[in-house]
Amino acid sequence: MTAAPACSQAAAESALNSITALLNISNSNFGRIKIFTGSPPNSTEDADVGSILSVGMTLSSTAFAAATATTSPYGATATANTVGNDASAAGTGTAGYFRAYSYNGTTYVCVVQGNCGTSAADMILNTTSIVAGATVECTSWVINLPSGGATG
């Protein structure tokens, strides 16, 4: 028997709200974003790979607006509130992926990762050609979570 679990659209919204809430301010520590060269690791549980280009972008105290239902495809989407610029990039290179971290009371842990670009990417940056010392800006970040069903 093949397993093919699916969740409802309402469940996708609830799950996405739970995920993005992890990035809200915790113990006076804002969620953080790092930008790296190359491709993301297979899992958020894996160590960072690639060269670090930016470590200075911070999330708003409430990192994301509430998730909303999507119908094509079915699921949910959440849009990040304002992301603070990194006024001085840590390295030079081509941005490939990002990781977003929350503070768990002791250290920062990766919650979400994805690709970055200037269009058609998980996170939209002002440029993918990052130069050490330059400003790195996230102009848009949207997380999509499918409901897993063909009809929602």
C-alpha atoms as a PDB file:
ATOM      1  CA  MET A   1       0.000   0.000   0.000  1.00  0.00           C
ATOM      2  CA  THR A   2       1.328   3.417  -0.980  1.00  0.00           C
ATOM      3  CA  ALA A   3       1.090   6.205   1.563  1.00  0.00           C
ATOM      4  CA  ALA A   4      -0.074   9.554   0.214  1.00  0.00           C
ATOM      5  CA  PRO A   5      -1.127  11.704   3.159  1.00  0.00           C
ATOM      6  CA  ALA A   6      -2.627  15.092   2.451  1.00  0.00           C
ATOM      7  CA  CYS A   7      -3.890  17.895   4.651  1.00  0.00           C
ATOM      8  CA  SER A   8      -6.706  20.380   4.231  1.00  0.00           C
ATOM      9  CA  GLN A   9      -6.199  23.970   3.213  1.00  0.00           C
ATOM     10  CA  ALA A  10      -7.091  25.068   6.765  1.00  0.00           C
ATOM     11  CA  ALA A  11      -4.451  22.693   8.146  1.00  0.00           C
ATOM     12  CA  ALA A  12      -1.861  24.114   5.725  1.00  0.00           C
ATOM     13  CA  GLU A  13      -2.652  27.637   6.946  1.00  0.00           C
ATOM     14  CA  SER A  14      -2.382  26.586  10.590  1.00  0.00           C
ATOM     15  CA  ALA A  15       0.882  24.737   9.995  1.00  0.00           C
ATOM     16  CA  LEU A  16       2.409  27.680   8.126  1.00  0.00           C
ATOM     17  CA  ASN A  17       1.393  30.087  10.906  1.00  0.00           C
ATOM     18  CA  SER A  18       3.099  27.781  13.419  1.00  0.00           C
ATOM     19  CA  ILE A  19       6.282  27.645  11.324  1.00  0.00           C
ATOM     20  CA  THR A  20       6.512  31.400  10.792  1.00  0.00           C
ATOM     21  CA  ALA A  21       5.749  32.102  14.490  1.00  0.00           C
ATOM     22  CA  LEU A  22       9.044  30.383  15.323  1.00  0.00           C
ATOM     23  CA  LEU A  23      10.794  33.330  13.645  1.00  0.00           C
ATOM     24  CA  ASN A  24       9.150  35.965  15.864  1.00  0.00           C
ATOM     25  CA  ILE A  25      11.202  37.803  18.501  1.00  0.00           C
ATOM     26  CA  SER A  26      12.222  35.546  21.401  1.00  0.00           C
ATOM     27  CA  ASN A  27      13.948  36.664  24.601  1.00  0.00           C
ATOM     28  CA  SER A  28      14.709  40.046  22.960  1.00  0.00           C
ATOM     29  CA  ASN A  29      16.393  38.234  20.041  1.00  0.00           C
ATOM     30  CA  PHE A  30      14.978  38.831  16.568  1.00  0.00           C
ATOM     31  CA  GLY A  31      14.904  36.112  13.888  1.00  0.00           C
ATOM     32  CA  ARG A  32      17.918  36.321  11.575  1.00  0.00           C
ATOM     33  CA  ILE A  33      18.666  35.542   7.966  1.00  0.00           C
ATOM     34  CA  LYS A  34      21.966  34.378   6.503  1.00  0.00           C
ATOM     35  CA  ILE A  35      22.743  34.336   2.780  1.00  0.00           C
ATOM     36  CA  PHE A  36      25.155  31.743   1.342  1.00  0.00           C
ATOM     37  CA  THR A  37      26.746  30.836  -1.986  1.00  0.00           C
ATOM     38  CA  GLY A  38      25.811  27.556  -3.659  1.00  0.00           C
ATOM     39  CA  SER A  39      22.868  25.238  -3.083  1.00  0.00           C
ATOM     40  CA  PRO A  40      21.098  24.651   0.237  1.00  0.00           C
ATOM     41  CA  PRO A  41      21.765  21.535   2.307  1.00  0.00           C
ATOM     42  CA  ASN A  42      19.273  18.666   1.982  1.00  0.00           C
ATOM     43  CA  SER A  43      17.689  19.526   5.342  1.00  0.00           C
ATOM     44  CA  THR A  44      17.459  22.459   7.732  1.00  0.00           C
ATOM     45  CA  GLU A  45      18.946  20.027  10.279  1.00  0.00           C
ATOM     46  CA  ASP A  46      22.191  19.842   8.255  1.00  0.00           C
ATOM     47  CA  ALA A  47      25.124  22.200   8.789  1.00  0.00           C
ATOM     48  CA  ASP A  48      25.469  25.400   6.761  1.00  0.00           C
ATOM     49  CA  VAL A  49      27.294  24.921   3.437  1.00  0.00           C
ATOM     50  CA  GLY A  50      28.864  27.439   1.064  1.00  0.00           C
ATOM     51  CA  SER A  51      30.455  30.758   1.854  1.00  0.00           C
ATOM     52  CA  ILE A  52      28.567  33.165   4.109  1.00  0.00           C
ATOM     53  CA  LEU A  53      27.775  36.395   2.273  1.00  0.00           C
ATOM     54  CA  SER A  54      25.405  38.085   4.727  1.00  0.00           C
ATOM     55  CA  VAL A  55      24.527  37.604   8.382  1.00  0.00           C
ATOM     56  CA  GLY A  56      23.020  40.991   9.246  1.00  0.00           C
ATOM     57  CA  MET A  57      19.411  40.824   8.057  1.00  0.00           C
ATOM     58  CA  THR A  58      16.912  40.685  10.927  1.00  0.00           C
ATOM     59  CA  LEU A  59      13.194  39.966  10.952  1.00  0.00           C
ATOM     60  CA  SER A  60      10.450  42.104  12.435  1.00  0.00           C
ATOM     61  CA  SER A  61       9.281  41.236  15.955  1.00  0.00           C
ATOM     62  CA  THR A  62       6.305  39.591  14.244  1.00  0.00           C
ATOM     63  CA  ALA A  63       8.163  38.065  11.315  1.00  0.00           C
ATOM     64  CA  PHE A  64       5.206  37.217   9.035  1.00  0.00           C
ATOM     65  CA  ALA A  65       1.667  38.288   8.362  1.00  0.00           C
ATOM     66  CA  ALA A  66      -0.949  35.585   8.961  1.00  0.00           C
ATOM     67  CA  ALA A  67      -0.999  32.866   6.323  1.00  0.00           C
ATOM     68  CA  THR A  68      -3.780  32.969   3.759  1.00  0.00           C
ATOM     69  CA  ALA A  69      -5.372  30.245   1.669  1.00  0.00           C
ATOM     70  CA  THR A  70      -4.273  29.756  -1.919  1.00  0.00           C
ATOM     71  CA  THR A  71      -6.313  27.995  -4.564  1.00  0.00           C
ATOM     72  CA  SER A  72      -3.824  27.456  -7.368  1.00  0.00           C
ATOM     73  CA  PRO A  73      -2.221  25.354  -6.115  1.00  0.00           C
ATOM     74  CA  TYR A  74      -4.202  24.628  -2.975  1.00  0.00           C
ATOM     75  CA  GLY A  75      -2.430  25.381   0.280  1.00  0.00           C
ATOM     76  CA  ALA A  76      -1.299  28.470   2.149  1.00  0.00           C
ATOM     77  CA  THR A  77       1.072  31.376   1.696  1.00  0.00           C
ATOM     78  CA  ALA A  78       2.672  33.792   4.157  1.00  0.00           C
ATOM     79  CA  THR A  79       4.508  37.021   3.365  1.00  0.00           C
ATOM     80  CA  ALA A  80       7.302  38.330   5.557  1.00  0.00           C
ATOM     81  CA  ASN A  81       6.883  41.661   7.267  1.00  0.00           C
ATOM     82  CA  THR A  82       9.764  44.131   6.921  1.00  0.00           C
ATOM     83  CA  VAL A  83      13.195  42.500   6.843  1.00  0.00           C
ATOM     84  CA  GLY A  84      16.052  44.687   8.066  1.00  0.00           C
ATOM     85  CA  ASN A  85      18.880  45.285   5.599  1.00  0.00           C
ATOM     86  CA  ASP A  86      22.412  44.056   6.192  1.00  0.00           C
ATOM     87  CA  ALA A  87      24.369  47.318   5.943  1.00  0.00           C
ATOM     88  CA  SER A  88      27.711  45.538   5.525  1.00  0.00           C
ATOM     89  CA  ALA A  89      27.858  42.182   3.730  1.00  0.00           C
ATOM     90  CA  ALA A  90      30.260  39.657   5.246  1.00  0.00           C
ATOM     91  CA  GLY A  91      31.658  38.345   1.952  1.00  0.00           C
ATOM     92  CA  THR A  92      31.789  38.572  -1.825  1.00  0.00           C
ATOM     93  CA  GLY A  93      30.089  36.082  -4.125  1.00  0.00           C
ATOM     94  CA  THR A  94      26.858  35.042  -5.813  1.00  0.00           C
ATOM     95  CA  ALA A  95      23.898  34.468  -3.498  1.00  0.00           C
ATOM     96  CA  GLY A  96      22.478  30.985  -3.882  1.00  0.00           C
ATOM     97  CA  TYR A  97      20.333  30.290  -0.839  1.00  0.00           C
ATOM     98  CA  PHE A  98      19.171  31.669   2.481  1.00  0.00           C
ATOM     99  CA  ARG A  99      18.513  30.245   5.908  1.00  0.00           C
ATOM    100  CA  ALA A 100      16.254  31.848   8.526  1.00  0.00           C
ATOM    101  CA  TYR A 101      17.050  31.242  12.197  1.00  0.00           C
ATOM    102  CA  SER A 102      15.092  31.622  15.403  1.00  0.00           C
ATOM    103  CA  TYR A 103      16.490  32.009  18.895  1.00  0.00           C
ATOM    104  CA  ASN A 104      15.584  29.062  21.138  1.00  0.00           C
ATOM    105  CA  GLY A 105      16.748  30.658  24.407  1.00  0.00           C
ATOM    106  CA  THR A 106      20.307  29.414  24.038  1.00  0.00           C
ATOM    107  CA  THR A 107      21.322  29.663  20.391  1.00  0.00           C
ATOM    108  CA  TYR A 108      20.006  30.325  16.893  1.00  0.00           C
ATOM    109  CA  VAL A 109      18.557  27.335  15.011  1.00  0.00           C
ATOM    110  CA  CYS A 110      17.595  27.078  11.348  1.00  0.00           C
ATOM    111  CA  VAL A 111      13.834  27.037  10.789  1.00  0.00           C
ATOM    112  CA  VAL A 112      13.454  27.636   7.033  1.00  0.00           C
ATOM    113  CA  GLN A 113      15.746  27.631   4.022  1.00  0.00           C
ATOM    114  CA  GLY A 114      15.254  28.261   0.313  1.00  0.00           C
ATOM    115  CA  ASN A 115      16.747  29.717  -2.821  1.00  0.00           C
ATOM    116  CA  CYS A 116      17.280  33.418  -3.374  1.00  0.00           C
ATOM    117  CA  GLY A 117      17.381  35.541  -6.484  1.00  0.00           C
ATOM    118  CA  THR A 118      16.202  38.821  -7.955  1.00  0.00           C
ATOM    119  CA  SER A 119      12.978  37.235  -9.284  1.00  0.00           C
ATOM    120  CA  ALA A 120      11.217  33.851  -9.334  1.00  0.00           C
ATOM    121  CA  ALA A 121      12.851  32.686  -6.091  1.00  0.00           C
ATOM    122  CA  ASP A 122      11.789  31.914  -2.526  1.00  0.00           C
ATOM    123  CA  MET A 123      13.460  35.110  -1.276  1.00  0.00           C
ATOM    124  CA  ILE A 124      13.932  38.138  -3.521  1.00  0.00           C
ATOM    125  CA  LEU A 125      17.094  40.190  -2.979  1.00  0.00           C
ATOM    126  CA  ASN A 126      18.122  43.547  -4.425  1.00  0.00           C
ATOM    127  CA  THR A 127      21.052  41.720  -6.076  1.00  0.00           C
ATOM    128  CA  THR A 128      22.600  38.270  -6.062  1.00  0.00           C
ATOM    129  CA  SER A 129      26.054  39.709  -6.800  1.00  0.00           C
ATOM    130  CA  ILE A 130      27.048  40.519  -3.244  1.00  0.00           C
ATOM    131  CA  VAL A 131      30.212  42.473  -2.454  1.00  0.00           C
ATOM    132  CA  ALA A 132      31.777  42.530   1.007  1.00  0.00           C
ATOM    133  CA  GLY A 133      30.795  45.706   2.837  1.00  0.00           C
ATOM    134  CA  ALA A 134      27.836  46.478   0.531  1.00  0.00           C
ATOM    135  CA  THR A 135      24.184  46.583   1.584  1.00  0.00           C
ATOM    136  CA  VAL A 136      22.125  43.404   1.167  1.00  0.00           C
ATOM    137  CA  GLU A 137      18.371  43.931   0.966  1.00  0.00           C
ATOM    138  CA  CYS A 138      15.509  41.436   1.008  1.00  0.00           C
ATOM    139  CA  THR A 139      12.788  43.019  -1.123  1.00  0.00           C
ATOM    140  CA  SER A 140      10.282  40.156  -0.778  1.00  0.00           C
ATOM    141  CA  TRP A 141       9.973  36.835   1.012  1.00  0.00           C
ATOM    142  CA  VAL A 142       6.997  34.530   0.645  1.00  0.00           C
ATOM    143  CA  ILE A 143       6.646  30.992   2.006  1.00  0.00           C
ATOM    144  CA  ASN A 144       4.207  28.642   0.298  1.00  0.00           C
ATOM    145  CA  LEU A 145       2.944  25.436   1.909  1.00  0.00           C
ATOM    146  CA  PRO A 146       0.865  23.104  -0.276  1.00  0.00           C
ATOM    147  CA  SER A 147      -2.151  21.374   1.205  1.00  0.00           C
ATOM    148  CA  GLY A 148      -1.141  18.131  -0.476  1.00  0.00           C
ATOM    149  CA  GLY A 149      -4.512  17.527  -2.070  1.00  0.00           C
ATOM    150  CA  ALA A 150      -5.656  18.043  -5.640  1.00  0.00           C
ATOM    151  CA  THR A 151      -8.848  19.695  -4.472  1.00  0.00           C
ATOM    152  CA  GLY A 152      -7.702  21.320  -1.237  1.00  0.00           C
END
